[in-house]
Amino acid sequence: MAENRHQALGLSDENVLEMFETMLRARRIDERMWLLNRAGKIPFVISCQGQEAAQVGAAFALDREKDYVLPYYRDMGVVLAFGMTTTELMLSGFAKAEDPNSGGRQMPGHFGQKKNRIVTGSSPVTTQVPHAVGVALAGRLEGNDLCTFVTFGEGSSNQGDFHEGANYAAVHKLPVIFMCENNKYAISVPYEKQVACEKISDRAIGYGMPGITVDGNDPLEVYAAVKEAADRGRRGDGPTLVEAISYRLTPHSSDDDDRAYRERDEVDAAKAKDPIISFAAYLKEAGVLTEEKEKEINDKIAKEVNEATEYAENAPYADAESAMKHVYAE
């Protein structure tokens, strides 16, 4: 039996099974969305595939009753962990009236749900970073013991919004966890053509905050880093930059052909390190996951995805008369 790394981190067997289930749910929803897109039923997919371990590991390290998350467009694992449902995500994919993110007004991946403290994102990348800093400042002014958790790709870390947000949070010692999900490609541009420093986390020192790079394919390593960052934030010691290294297993989006800029061998090598397969292997070695339990989880999620697809496909679109709602003052 493998050493129980999760128990050393204070995670129970139930916690890690829930982590695995959340990762798998994100993957299965995403896979279904690609099929629906190719069938001409939903217009657009922007994938979480390959990044589920980083997303779910981080989300489980937060206080899901009071912390705020400001996710970027791939973060299906984060929003599922924070309480968004399979059906809600499917309603977004089909752009239906009941879509909690925007009532069918926004592209998929623009997550937002007030009751679960998921702060809505915007189409220009990285705008969520200064928002996360603002929410953390507001929390401090109101005396709330909350952290904000904001994610972005490594391409986004080159935008001015990241630098301004990081600087402000560090100067004011705000409880912000900046997590860069480094999936090696900003659309078609590889890491070495975007950034001159070896690691994104190297940028932290310029702002006077700790920076750490972790294996984004290992949810437990990400959990440990984000947990430490959250503890630090709550103590009043300020923000942390966490870089989770993973790989985007799909094209940038359903409108992209990644064969133009990535060798198939590179993608196949990344697929061989699929975080869902490696985490399942760890859980089996640790005696937490059996073949029967794995089948039970898979069957449960398959049923859930089928039901969510059917519900969302048949749900009504928003009335045309409501097009201006939430745009202009009523």
C-alpha atoms as a PDB file:
ATOM      1  CA  MET A   1       0.000   0.000   0.000  1.00  0.00           C
ATOM      2  CA  ALA A   2       1.325   3.406  -0.962  1.00  0.00           C
ATOM      3  CA  GLU A   3       1.985   5.987   1.723  1.00  0.00           C
ATOM      4  CA  ASN A   4      -1.151   8.008   2.281  1.00  0.00           C
ATOM      5  CA  ARG A   5       0.043  11.427   1.174  1.00  0.00           C
ATOM      6  CA  HIS A   6      -3.462  12.808   1.496  1.00  0.00           C
ATOM      7  CA  GLN A   7      -3.735  11.902   5.182  1.00  0.00           C
ATOM      8  CA  ALA A   8      -0.462  13.703   5.857  1.00  0.00           C
ATOM      9  CA  LEU A   9      -2.165  16.801   4.401  1.00  0.00           C
ATOM     10  CA  GLY A  10      -5.189  16.376   6.661  1.00  0.00           C
ATOM     11  CA  LEU A  11      -7.442  15.028   3.890  1.00  0.00           C
ATOM     12  CA  SER A  12      -9.718  12.077   4.597  1.00  0.00           C
ATOM     13  CA  ASP A  13     -10.337   9.188   2.203  1.00  0.00           C
ATOM     14  CA  GLU A  14     -13.780  10.733   1.544  1.00  0.00           C
ATOM     15  CA  ASN A  15     -12.154  14.094   0.667  1.00  0.00           C
ATOM     16  CA  VAL A  16      -9.844  12.587  -1.942  1.00  0.00           C
ATOM     17  CA  LEU A  17     -12.611  10.453  -3.439  1.00  0.00           C
ATOM     18  CA  GLU A  18     -14.693  13.613  -3.789  1.00  0.00           C
ATOM     19  CA  MET A  19     -11.704  15.323  -5.432  1.00  0.00           C
ATOM     20  CA  PHE A  20     -11.378  12.468  -7.905  1.00  0.00           C
ATOM     21  CA  GLU A  21     -15.101  12.498  -8.631  1.00  0.00           C
ATOM     22  CA  THR A  22     -15.057  16.275  -9.238  1.00  0.00           C
ATOM     23  CA  MET A  23     -12.090  15.968 -11.610  1.00  0.00           C
ATOM     24  CA  LEU A  24     -13.817  13.179 -13.507  1.00  0.00           C
ATOM     25  CA  ARG A  25     -17.106  15.105 -13.651  1.00  0.00           C
ATOM     26  CA  ALA A  26     -15.334  18.097 -15.197  1.00  0.00           C
ATOM     27  CA  ARG A  27     -13.680  15.838 -17.782  1.00  0.00           C
ATOM     28  CA  ARG A  28     -16.907  14.043 -18.716  1.00  0.00           C
ATOM     29  CA  ILE A  29     -18.895  17.291 -19.072  1.00  0.00           C
ATOM     30  CA  ASP A  30     -16.119  18.693 -21.255  1.00  0.00           C
ATOM     31  CA  GLU A  31     -15.958  15.581 -23.447  1.00  0.00           C
ATOM     32  CA  ARG A  32     -19.721  15.694 -23.934  1.00  0.00           C
ATOM     33  CA  MET A  33     -19.575  19.378 -24.868  1.00  0.00           C
ATOM     34  CA  TRP A  34     -17.067  18.611 -27.645  1.00  0.00           C
ATOM     35  CA  LEU A  35     -19.412  15.972 -29.050  1.00  0.00           C
ATOM     36  CA  LEU A  36     -22.344  18.397 -28.887  1.00  0.00           C
ATOM     37  CA  ASN A  37     -20.262  21.075 -30.585  1.00  0.00           C
ATOM     38  CA  ARG A  38     -19.190  18.742 -33.393  1.00  0.00           C
ATOM     39  CA  ALA A  39     -22.835  17.711 -33.792  1.00  0.00           C
ATOM     40  CA  GLY A  40     -23.746  21.378 -34.307  1.00  0.00           C
ATOM     41  CA  LYS A  41     -25.794  21.564 -31.101  1.00  0.00           C
ATOM     42  CA  ILE A  42     -23.686  23.956 -29.016  1.00  0.00           C
ATOM     43  CA  PRO A  43     -21.638  26.800 -30.492  1.00  0.00           C
ATOM     44  CA  PHE A  44     -18.379  26.809 -28.560  1.00  0.00           C
ATOM     45  CA  VAL A  45     -16.205  24.839 -26.132  1.00  0.00           C
ATOM     46  CA  ILE A  46     -13.138  26.019 -24.236  1.00  0.00           C
ATOM     47  CA  SER A  47     -11.704  23.066 -22.405  1.00  0.00           C
ATOM     48  CA  CYS A  48     -10.523  22.176 -18.913  1.00  0.00           C
ATOM     49  CA  GLN A  49      -9.007  18.885 -20.098  1.00  0.00           C
ATOM     50  CA  GLY A  50      -5.560  18.315 -18.577  1.00  0.00           C
ATOM     51  CA  GLN A  51      -6.013  21.013 -15.929  1.00  0.00           C
ATOM     52  CA  GLU A  52      -8.617  19.369 -13.679  1.00  0.00           C
ATOM     53  CA  ALA A  53      -6.100  18.318 -11.013  1.00  0.00           C
ATOM     54  CA  ALA A  54      -4.839  21.867 -10.491  1.00  0.00           C
ATOM     55  CA  GLN A  55      -8.362  23.280 -10.431  1.00  0.00           C
ATOM     56  CA  VAL A  56      -9.871  20.758  -8.032  1.00  0.00           C
ATOM     57  CA  GLY A  57      -6.810  20.483  -5.789  1.00  0.00           C
ATOM     58  CA  ALA A  58      -6.858  24.265  -5.346  1.00  0.00           C
ATOM     59  CA  ALA A  59     -10.617  24.537  -4.786  1.00  0.00           C
ATOM     60  CA  PHE A  60     -10.523  21.920  -2.028  1.00  0.00           C
ATOM     61  CA  ALA A  61      -7.838  23.932  -0.202  1.00  0.00           C
ATOM     62  CA  LEU A  62     -10.188  26.923   0.086  1.00  0.00           C
ATOM     63  CA  ASP A  63     -13.087  27.571   2.431  1.00  0.00           C
ATOM     64  CA  ARG A  64     -15.986  26.814   0.102  1.00  0.00           C
ATOM     65  CA  GLU A  65     -18.425  28.459   2.505  1.00  0.00           C
ATOM     66  CA  LYS A  66     -16.871  31.934   2.517  1.00  0.00           C
ATOM     67  CA  ASP A  67     -13.980  32.384   0.069  1.00  0.00           C
ATOM     68  CA  TYR A  68     -14.560  34.033  -3.304  1.00  0.00           C
ATOM     69  CA  VAL A  69     -13.322  32.549  -6.580  1.00  0.00           C
ATOM     70  CA  LEU A  70     -12.650  34.539  -9.732  1.00  0.00           C
ATOM     71  CA  PRO A  71     -12.076  31.804 -12.268  1.00  0.00           C
ATOM     72  CA  TYR A  72     -10.815  32.040 -15.807  1.00  0.00           C
ATOM     73  CA  TYR A  73     -12.606  30.389 -18.696  1.00  0.00           C
ATOM     74  CA  ARG A  74     -11.166  26.868 -18.336  1.00  0.00           C
ATOM     75  CA  ASP A  75     -12.003  26.500 -14.647  1.00  0.00           C
ATOM     76  CA  MET A  76     -14.804  23.947 -14.772  1.00  0.00           C
ATOM     77  CA  GLY A  77     -13.145  21.992 -11.940  1.00  0.00           C
ATOM     78  CA  VAL A  78     -13.142  25.060  -9.683  1.00  0.00           C
ATOM     79  CA  VAL A  79     -16.781  25.999 -10.257  1.00  0.00           C
ATOM     80  CA  LEU A  80     -17.999  22.405  -9.834  1.00  0.00           C
ATOM     81  CA  ALA A  81     -16.136  22.210  -6.514  1.00  0.00           C
ATOM     82  CA  PHE A  82     -17.749  25.509  -5.462  1.00  0.00           C
ATOM     83  CA  GLY A  83     -21.261  24.214  -6.093  1.00  0.00           C
ATOM     84  CA  MET A  84     -22.140  24.727  -9.751  1.00  0.00           C
ATOM     85  CA  THR A  85     -23.956  21.688 -11.153  1.00  0.00           C
ATOM     86  CA  THR A  86     -23.577  19.618 -14.300  1.00  0.00           C
ATOM     87  CA  THR A  87     -27.006  20.797 -15.466  1.00  0.00           C
ATOM     88  CA  GLU A  88     -26.109  24.455 -14.910  1.00  0.00           C
ATOM     89  CA  LEU A  89     -22.956  24.071 -16.982  1.00  0.00           C
ATOM     90  CA  MET A  90     -24.900  22.351 -19.759  1.00  0.00           C
ATOM     91  CA  LEU A  91     -27.505  25.150 -19.727  1.00  0.00           C
ATOM     92  CA  SER A  92     -24.596  27.534 -20.299  1.00  0.00           C
ATOM     93  CA  GLY A  93     -23.284  25.439 -23.194  1.00  0.00           C
ATOM     94  CA  PHE A  94     -26.697  25.498 -24.867  1.00  0.00           C
ATOM     95  CA  ALA A  95     -27.146  29.225 -24.006  1.00  0.00           C
ATOM     96  CA  LYS A  96     -30.538  28.709 -22.386  1.00  0.00           C
ATOM     97  CA  ALA A  97     -32.594  31.081 -20.251  1.00  0.00           C
ATOM     98  CA  GLU A  98     -31.884  29.141 -17.043  1.00  0.00           C
ATOM     99  CA  ASP A  99     -28.093  29.382 -17.442  1.00  0.00           C
ATOM    100  CA  PRO A 100     -27.060  30.823 -14.038  1.00  0.00           C
ATOM    101  CA  ASN A 101     -23.924  32.431 -15.462  1.00  0.00           C
ATOM    102  CA  SER A 102     -25.649  34.897 -17.759  1.00  0.00           C
ATOM    103  CA  GLY A 103     -29.077  33.644 -18.798  1.00  0.00           C
ATOM    104  CA  GLY A 104     -27.614  32.510 -22.111  1.00  0.00           C
ATOM    105  CA  ARG A 105     -26.073  35.906 -22.910  1.00  0.00           C
ATOM    106  CA  GLN A 106     -22.396  35.045 -22.551  1.00  0.00           C
ATOM    107  CA  MET A 107     -20.137  32.526 -24.253  1.00  0.00           C
ATOM    108  CA  PRO A 108     -19.519  29.323 -22.267  1.00  0.00           C
ATOM    109  CA  GLY A 109     -16.675  29.613 -19.749  1.00  0.00           C
ATOM    110  CA  HIS A 110     -17.838  33.004 -18.425  1.00  0.00           C
ATOM    111  CA  PHE A 111     -18.614  31.564 -15.012  1.00  0.00           C
ATOM    112  CA  GLY A 112     -20.586  33.556 -12.460  1.00  0.00           C
ATOM    113  CA  GLN A 113     -22.916  32.535  -9.637  1.00  0.00           C
ATOM    114  CA  LYS A 114     -23.602  34.870  -6.769  1.00  0.00           C
ATOM    115  CA  LYS A 115     -24.846  32.280  -4.252  1.00  0.00           C
ATOM    116  CA  ASN A 116     -21.594  30.300  -4.575  1.00  0.00           C
ATOM    117  CA  ARG A 117     -19.349  33.395  -4.585  1.00  0.00           C
ATOM    118  CA  ILE A 118     -18.165  32.728  -8.133  1.00  0.00           C
ATOM    119  CA  VAL A 119     -17.460  36.211  -9.503  1.00  0.00           C
ATOM    120  CA  THR A 120     -18.270  36.591 -13.180  1.00  0.00           C
ATOM    121  CA  GLY A 121     -15.466  36.840 -15.696  1.00  0.00           C
ATOM    122  CA  SER A 122     -15.207  38.903 -18.843  1.00  0.00           C
ATOM    123  CA  SER A 123     -14.140  38.136 -22.417  1.00  0.00           C
ATOM    124  CA  PRO A 124     -10.920  40.211 -22.328  1.00  0.00           C
ATOM    125  CA  VAL A 125      -8.425  38.029 -20.466  1.00  0.00           C
ATOM    126  CA  THR A 126      -7.055  38.852 -16.999  1.00  0.00           C
ATOM    127  CA  THR A 127      -9.688  41.427 -15.968  1.00  0.00           C
ATOM    128  CA  GLN A 128     -10.565  39.064 -13.107  1.00  0.00           C
ATOM    129  CA  VAL A 129      -7.208  39.692 -11.394  1.00  0.00           C
ATOM    130  CA  PRO A 130      -7.806  43.293 -10.218  1.00  0.00           C
ATOM    131  CA  HIS A 131     -11.388  42.281  -9.357  1.00  0.00           C
ATOM    132  CA  ALA A 132     -10.024  39.599  -7.015  1.00  0.00           C
ATOM    133  CA  VAL A 133      -7.829  42.222  -5.359  1.00  0.00           C
ATOM    134  CA  GLY A 134     -10.853  44.505  -4.953  1.00  0.00           C
ATOM    135  CA  VAL A 135     -12.959  41.738  -3.396  1.00  0.00           C
ATOM    136  CA  ALA A 136     -10.134  40.967  -0.943  1.00  0.00           C
ATOM    137  CA  LEU A 137      -9.875  44.653  -0.007  1.00  0.00           C
ATOM    138  CA  ALA A 138     -13.649  44.853   0.483  1.00  0.00           C
ATOM    139  CA  GLY A 139     -13.527  41.746   2.670  1.00  0.00           C
ATOM    140  CA  ARG A 140     -10.873  43.351   4.848  1.00  0.00           C
ATOM    141  CA  LEU A 141     -12.825  46.621   5.140  1.00  0.00           C
ATOM    142  CA  GLU A 142     -15.903  44.662   6.227  1.00  0.00           C
ATOM    143  CA  GLY A 143     -13.873  42.577   8.689  1.00  0.00           C
ATOM    144  CA  ASN A 144     -14.541  39.274   6.893  1.00  0.00           C
ATOM    145  CA  ASP A 145     -12.020  36.466   7.200  1.00  0.00           C
ATOM    146  CA  LEU A 146     -12.067  35.604   3.515  1.00  0.00           C
ATOM    147  CA  CYS A 147      -9.529  34.891   0.818  1.00  0.00           C
ATOM    148  CA  THR A 148      -9.974  35.456  -2.869  1.00  0.00           C
ATOM    149  CA  PHE A 149      -8.679  32.920  -5.353  1.00  0.00           C
ATOM    150  CA  VAL A 150      -8.049  34.016  -8.919  1.00  0.00           C
ATOM    151  CA  THR A 151      -6.803  31.963 -11.843  1.00  0.00           C
ATOM    152  CA  PHE A 152      -5.370  32.822 -15.243  1.00  0.00           C
ATOM    153  CA  GLY A 153      -3.212  31.254 -17.938  1.00  0.00           C
ATOM    154  CA  GLU A 154       0.483  31.941 -18.369  1.00  0.00           C
ATOM    155  CA  GLY A 155      -0.338  34.090 -21.415  1.00  0.00           C
ATOM    156  CA  SER A 156      -2.542  36.217 -19.158  1.00  0.00           C
ATOM    157  CA  SER A 157       0.330  36.794 -16.765  1.00  0.00           C
ATOM    158  CA  ASN A 158       1.819  39.117 -19.383  1.00  0.00           C
ATOM    159  CA  GLN A 159      -1.166  41.484 -19.257  1.00  0.00           C
ATOM    160  CA  GLY A 160      -1.018  44.732 -17.330  1.00  0.00           C
ATOM    161  CA  ASP A 161      -3.994  43.703 -15.193  1.00  0.00           C
ATOM    162  CA  PHE A 162      -1.948  40.907 -13.618  1.00  0.00           C
ATOM    163  CA  HIS A 163       0.961  43.189 -12.726  1.00  0.00           C
ATOM    164  CA  GLU A 164      -1.216  45.972 -11.324  1.00  0.00           C
ATOM    165  CA  GLY A 165      -3.297  43.520  -9.298  1.00  0.00           C
ATOM    166  CA  ALA A 166      -0.252  41.693  -7.938  1.00  0.00           C
ATOM    167  CA  ASN A 167       1.473  44.926  -6.959  1.00  0.00           C
ATOM    168  CA  TYR A 168      -1.570  46.373  -5.189  1.00  0.00           C
ATOM    169  CA  ALA A 169      -2.323  43.145  -3.296  1.00  0.00           C
ATOM    170  CA  ALA A 170       1.275  42.860  -2.118  1.00  0.00           C
ATOM    171  CA  VAL A 171       1.586  46.496  -1.020  1.00  0.00           C
ATOM    172  CA  HIS A 172      -1.620  46.219   1.016  1.00  0.00           C
ATOM    173  CA  LYS A 173      -0.976  42.618   2.158  1.00  0.00           C
ATOM    174  CA  LEU A 174      -4.352  41.442   0.875  1.00  0.00           C
ATOM    175  CA  PRO A 175      -5.464  37.796   1.148  1.00  0.00           C
ATOM    176  CA  VAL A 176      -5.317  37.022  -2.588  1.00  0.00           C
ATOM    177  CA  ILE A 177      -4.148  33.710  -4.046  1.00  0.00           C
ATOM    178  CA  PHE A 178      -2.980  34.245  -7.612  1.00  0.00           C
ATOM    179  CA  MET A 179      -2.857  30.900  -9.415  1.00  0.00           C
ATOM    180  CA  CYS A 180      -1.375  30.700 -12.865  1.00  0.00           C
ATOM    181  CA  GLU A 181      -2.503  27.564 -14.679  1.00  0.00           C
ATOM    182  CA  ASN A 182       0.488  27.209 -16.964  1.00  0.00           C
ATOM    183  CA  ASN A 183      -0.680  24.906 -19.748  1.00  0.00           C
ATOM    184  CA  LYS A 184       2.307  25.802 -21.987  1.00  0.00           C
ATOM    185  CA  TYR A 185       0.341  27.593 -24.730  1.00  0.00           C
ATOM    186  CA  ALA A 186      -1.287  31.015 -25.038  1.00  0.00           C
ATOM    187  CA  ILE A 187      -3.633  29.992 -27.869  1.00  0.00           C
ATOM    188  CA  SER A 188      -0.934  29.019 -30.426  1.00  0.00           C
ATOM    189  CA  VAL A 189       2.120  30.636 -28.813  1.00  0.00           C
ATOM    190  CA  PRO A 190       4.399  28.333 -26.776  1.00  0.00           C
ATOM    191  CA  TYR A 191       5.712  29.361 -23.354  1.00  0.00           C
ATOM    192  CA  GLU A 192       9.242  30.208 -24.506  1.00  0.00           C
ATOM    193  CA  LYS A 193       7.905  32.783 -26.963  1.00  0.00           C
ATOM    194  CA  GLN A 194       5.751  34.486 -24.323  1.00  0.00           C
ATOM    195  CA  VAL A 195       7.966  34.787 -21.270  1.00  0.00           C
ATOM    196  CA  ALA A 196      11.720  35.201 -20.803  1.00  0.00           C
ATOM    197  CA  CYS A 197      11.907  34.020 -17.187  1.00  0.00           C
ATOM    198  CA  GLU A 198      12.159  30.314 -16.438  1.00  0.00           C
ATOM    199  CA  LYS A 199       9.030  30.180 -14.281  1.00  0.00           C
ATOM    200  CA  ILE A 200       5.980  32.419 -13.893  1.00  0.00           C
ATOM    201  CA  SER A 201       6.473  32.150 -10.115  1.00  0.00           C
ATOM    202  CA  ASP A 202       9.824  33.981 -10.542  1.00  0.00           C
ATOM    203  CA  ARG A 203       7.755  37.136 -11.013  1.00  0.00           C
ATOM    204  CA  ALA A 204       6.537  37.051  -7.399  1.00  0.00           C
ATOM    205  CA  ILE A 205       9.778  38.430  -5.968  1.00  0.00           C
ATOM    206  CA  GLY A 206       9.289  41.652  -7.926  1.00  0.00           C
ATOM    207  CA  TYR A 207       6.125  42.290  -5.930  1.00  0.00           C
ATOM    208  CA  GLY A 208       7.446  41.148  -2.562  1.00  0.00           C
ATOM    209  CA  MET A 209       5.314  38.027  -2.276  1.00  0.00           C
ATOM    210  CA  PRO A 210       6.190  34.332  -2.189  1.00  0.00           C
ATOM    211  CA  GLY A 211       6.040  32.452  -5.477  1.00  0.00           C
ATOM    212  CA  ILE A 212       5.874  28.683  -5.828  1.00  0.00           C
ATOM    213  CA  THR A 213       5.761  26.353  -8.826  1.00  0.00           C
ATOM    214  CA  VAL A 214       3.997  23.022  -8.376  1.00  0.00           C
ATOM    215  CA  ASP A 215       3.089  20.000 -10.475  1.00  0.00           C
ATOM    216  CA  GLY A 216      -0.363  20.870 -11.785  1.00  0.00           C
ATOM    217  CA  ASN A 217      -1.000  17.196 -12.600  1.00  0.00           C
ATOM    218  CA  ASP A 218      -0.879  16.353  -8.882  1.00  0.00           C
ATOM    219  CA  PRO A 219      -3.976  17.617  -7.037  1.00  0.00           C
ATOM    220  CA  LEU A 220      -2.380  16.960  -3.640  1.00  0.00           C
ATOM    221  CA  GLU A 221       0.680  19.093  -4.406  1.00  0.00           C
ATOM    222  CA  VAL A 222      -1.579  21.915  -5.607  1.00  0.00           C
ATOM    223  CA  TYR A 223      -3.815  21.490  -2.539  1.00  0.00           C
ATOM    224  CA  ALA A 224      -0.809  21.858  -0.192  1.00  0.00           C
ATOM    225  CA  ALA A 225       0.440  25.015  -1.930  1.00  0.00           C
ATOM    226  CA  VAL A 226      -2.956  26.718  -2.054  1.00  0.00           C
ATOM    227  CA  LYS A 227      -3.760  25.732   1.539  1.00  0.00           C
ATOM    228  CA  GLU A 228      -0.528  27.357   2.709  1.00  0.00           C
ATOM    229  CA  ALA A 229      -1.307  30.458   0.604  1.00  0.00           C
ATOM    230  CA  ALA A 230      -4.818  30.682   2.120  1.00  0.00           C
ATOM    231  CA  ASP A 231      -3.457  30.310   5.660  1.00  0.00           C
ATOM    232  CA  ARG A 232      -0.921  33.041   4.941  1.00  0.00           C
ATOM    233  CA  GLY A 233      -3.596  35.348   3.553  1.00  0.00           C
ATOM    234  CA  ARG A 234      -5.865  34.831   6.562  1.00  0.00           C
ATOM    235  CA  ARG A 235      -3.003  35.610   8.954  1.00  0.00           C
ATOM    236  CA  GLY A 236      -2.588  38.988   7.263  1.00  0.00           C
ATOM    237  CA  ASP A 237       0.717  38.087   5.623  1.00  0.00           C
ATOM    238  CA  GLY A 238      -0.491  38.994   2.143  1.00  0.00           C
ATOM    239  CA  PRO A 239      -0.799  37.358  -1.256  1.00  0.00           C
ATOM    240  CA  THR A 240       0.934  34.379  -2.865  1.00  0.00           C
ATOM    241  CA  LEU A 241       1.617  33.483  -6.493  1.00  0.00           C
ATOM    242  CA  VAL A 242       1.162  29.783  -7.231  1.00  0.00           C
ATOM    243  CA  GLU A 243       2.102  28.405 -10.639  1.00  0.00           C
ATOM    244  CA  ALA A 244       0.594  25.024 -11.499  1.00  0.00           C
ATOM    245  CA  ILE A 245       2.306  23.391 -14.484  1.00  0.00           C
ATOM    246  CA  SER A 246      -0.010  21.301 -16.601  1.00  0.00           C
ATOM    247  CA  TYR A 247      -0.755  20.767 -20.284  1.00  0.00           C
ATOM    248  CA  ARG A 248      -3.759  21.637 -22.391  1.00  0.00           C
ATOM    249  CA  LEU A 249      -4.849  18.293 -23.846  1.00  0.00           C
ATOM    250  CA  THR A 250      -7.247  19.845 -26.386  1.00  0.00           C
ATOM    251  CA  PRO A 251      -6.948  22.626 -28.947  1.00  0.00           C
ATOM    252  CA  HIS A 252      -7.325  26.130 -27.454  1.00  0.00           C
ATOM    253  CA  SER A 253     -11.046  26.010 -28.191  1.00  0.00           C
ATOM    254  CA  SER A 254     -13.484  24.318 -30.541  1.00  0.00           C
ATOM    255  CA  ASP A 255     -12.565  26.978 -33.139  1.00  0.00           C
ATOM    256  CA  ASP A 256      -8.837  26.139 -33.072  1.00  0.00           C
ATOM    257  CA  ASP A 257      -6.779  23.522 -34.925  1.00  0.00           C
ATOM    258  CA  ASP A 258      -3.737  22.878 -32.765  1.00  0.00           C
ATOM    259  CA  ARG A 259      -2.119  20.639 -35.418  1.00  0.00           C
ATOM    260  CA  ALA A 260      -0.813  23.869 -36.960  1.00  0.00           C
ATOM    261  CA  TYR A 261       1.472  24.567 -33.987  1.00  0.00           C
ATOM    262  CA  ARG A 262       1.885  21.404 -31.855  1.00  0.00           C
ATOM    263  CA  GLU A 263       3.541  18.120 -32.748  1.00  0.00           C
ATOM    264  CA  ARG A 264       1.280  15.123 -32.132  1.00  0.00           C
ATOM    265  CA  ASP A 265       4.094  13.390 -30.218  1.00  0.00           C
ATOM    266  CA  GLU A 266       4.088  16.218 -27.672  1.00  0.00           C
ATOM    267  CA  VAL A 267       0.313  15.974 -27.149  1.00  0.00           C
ATOM    268  CA  ASP A 268       0.456  12.160 -26.913  1.00  0.00           C
ATOM    269  CA  ALA A 269       3.253  12.367 -24.313  1.00  0.00           C
ATOM    270  CA  ALA A 270       1.087  14.742 -22.231  1.00  0.00           C
ATOM    271  CA  LYS A 271      -1.927  12.433 -22.552  1.00  0.00           C
ATOM    272  CA  ALA A 272       0.218   9.617 -21.144  1.00  0.00           C
ATOM    273  CA  LYS A 273       0.519  11.738 -17.953  1.00  0.00           C
ATOM    274  CA  ASP A 274      -3.239  12.428 -17.751  1.00  0.00           C
ATOM    275  CA  PRO A 275      -3.861  13.675 -14.184  1.00  0.00           C
ATOM    276  CA  ILE A 276      -7.155  11.782 -13.893  1.00  0.00           C
ATOM    277  CA  ILE A 277      -5.458   8.452 -14.646  1.00  0.00           C
ATOM    278  CA  SER A 278      -2.498   9.164 -12.364  1.00  0.00           C
ATOM    279  CA  PHE A 279      -4.702  10.294  -9.457  1.00  0.00           C
ATOM    280  CA  ALA A 280      -6.880   7.180  -9.822  1.00  0.00           C
ATOM    281  CA  ALA A 281      -3.688   5.083  -9.713  1.00  0.00           C
ATOM    282  CA  TYR A 282      -2.568   6.851  -6.512  1.00  0.00           C
ATOM    283  CA  LEU A 283      -5.976   6.305  -4.885  1.00  0.00           C
ATOM    284  CA  LYS A 284      -5.888   2.597  -5.773  1.00  0.00           C
ATOM    285  CA  GLU A 285      -2.374   2.209  -4.351  1.00  0.00           C
ATOM    286  CA  ALA A 286      -3.495   4.002  -1.196  1.00  0.00           C
ATOM    287  CA  GLY A 287      -6.388   1.540  -0.862  1.00  0.00           C
ATOM    288  CA  VAL A 288      -9.015   4.278  -1.217  1.00  0.00           C
ATOM    289  CA  LEU A 289     -10.375   3.465  -4.681  1.00  0.00           C
ATOM    290  CA  THR A 290     -11.414  -0.001  -5.826  1.00  0.00           C
ATOM    291  CA  GLU A 291     -12.342  -1.066  -9.357  1.00  0.00           C
ATOM    292  CA  GLU A 292     -15.972  -1.363  -8.206  1.00  0.00           C
ATOM    293  CA  LYS A 293     -15.968   2.112  -6.667  1.00  0.00           C
ATOM    294  CA  GLU A 294     -14.400   3.584  -9.800  1.00  0.00           C
ATOM    295  CA  LYS A 295     -17.087   1.985 -11.983  1.00  0.00           C
ATOM    296  CA  GLU A 296     -19.789   3.249  -9.626  1.00  0.00           C
ATOM    297  CA  ILE A 297     -18.437   6.834  -9.863  1.00  0.00           C
ATOM    298  CA  ASN A 298     -18.119   6.609 -13.652  1.00  0.00           C
ATOM    299  CA  ASP A 299     -21.665   5.268 -14.042  1.00  0.00           C
ATOM    300  CA  LYS A 300     -23.089   7.933 -11.730  1.00  0.00           C
ATOM    301  CA  ILE A 301     -21.381  10.742 -13.684  1.00  0.00           C
ATOM    302  CA  ALA A 302     -22.384   9.276 -17.066  1.00  0.00           C
ATOM    303  CA  LYS A 303     -26.029   9.230 -15.954  1.00  0.00           C
ATOM    304  CA  GLU A 304     -25.727  12.788 -14.623  1.00  0.00           C
ATOM    305  CA  VAL A 305     -24.185  14.074 -17.877  1.00  0.00           C
ATOM    306  CA  ASN A 306     -26.853  12.336 -19.987  1.00  0.00           C
ATOM    307  CA  GLU A 307     -29.670  13.783 -17.883  1.00  0.00           C
ATOM    308  CA  ALA A 308     -28.102  17.257 -17.856  1.00  0.00           C
ATOM    309  CA  THR A 309     -27.656  17.188 -21.640  1.00  0.00           C
ATOM    310  CA  GLU A 310     -31.258  16.163 -22.207  1.00  0.00           C
ATOM    311  CA  TYR A 311     -32.583  18.772 -19.774  1.00  0.00           C
ATOM    312  CA  ALA A 312     -30.473  21.605 -21.200  1.00  0.00           C
ATOM    313  CA  GLU A 313     -31.188  20.726 -24.814  1.00  0.00           C
ATOM    314  CA  ASN A 314     -34.942  20.844 -24.170  1.00  0.00           C
ATOM    315  CA  ALA A 315     -34.914  23.901 -21.894  1.00  0.00           C
ATOM    316  CA  PRO A 316     -36.308  27.169 -23.315  1.00  0.00           C
ATOM    317  CA  TYR A 317     -34.187  29.973 -24.704  1.00  0.00           C
ATOM    318  CA  ALA A 318     -34.500  33.424 -23.143  1.00  0.00           C
ATOM    319  CA  ASP A 319     -37.315  35.597 -24.492  1.00  0.00           C
ATOM    320  CA  ALA A 320     -36.109  38.075 -27.099  1.00  0.00           C
ATOM    321  CA  GLU A 321     -37.770  40.849 -25.060  1.00  0.00           C
ATOM    322  CA  SER A 322     -35.273  40.208 -22.238  1.00  0.00           C
ATOM    323  CA  ALA A 323     -32.227  41.019 -24.397  1.00  0.00           C
ATOM    324  CA  MET A 324     -31.645  44.370 -22.677  1.00  0.00           C
ATOM    325  CA  LYS A 325     -32.108  43.048 -19.127  1.00  0.00           C
ATOM    326  CA  HIS A 326     -29.031  43.700 -16.945  1.00  0.00           C
ATOM    327  CA  VAL A 327     -27.628  45.908 -19.739  1.00  0.00           C
ATOM    328  CA  TYR A 328     -29.474  49.158 -19.062  1.00  0.00           C
ATOM    329  CA  ALA A 329     -31.186  50.393 -15.889  1.00  0.00           C
ATOM    330  CA  GLU A 330     -34.662  48.905 -15.693  1.00  0.00           C
END
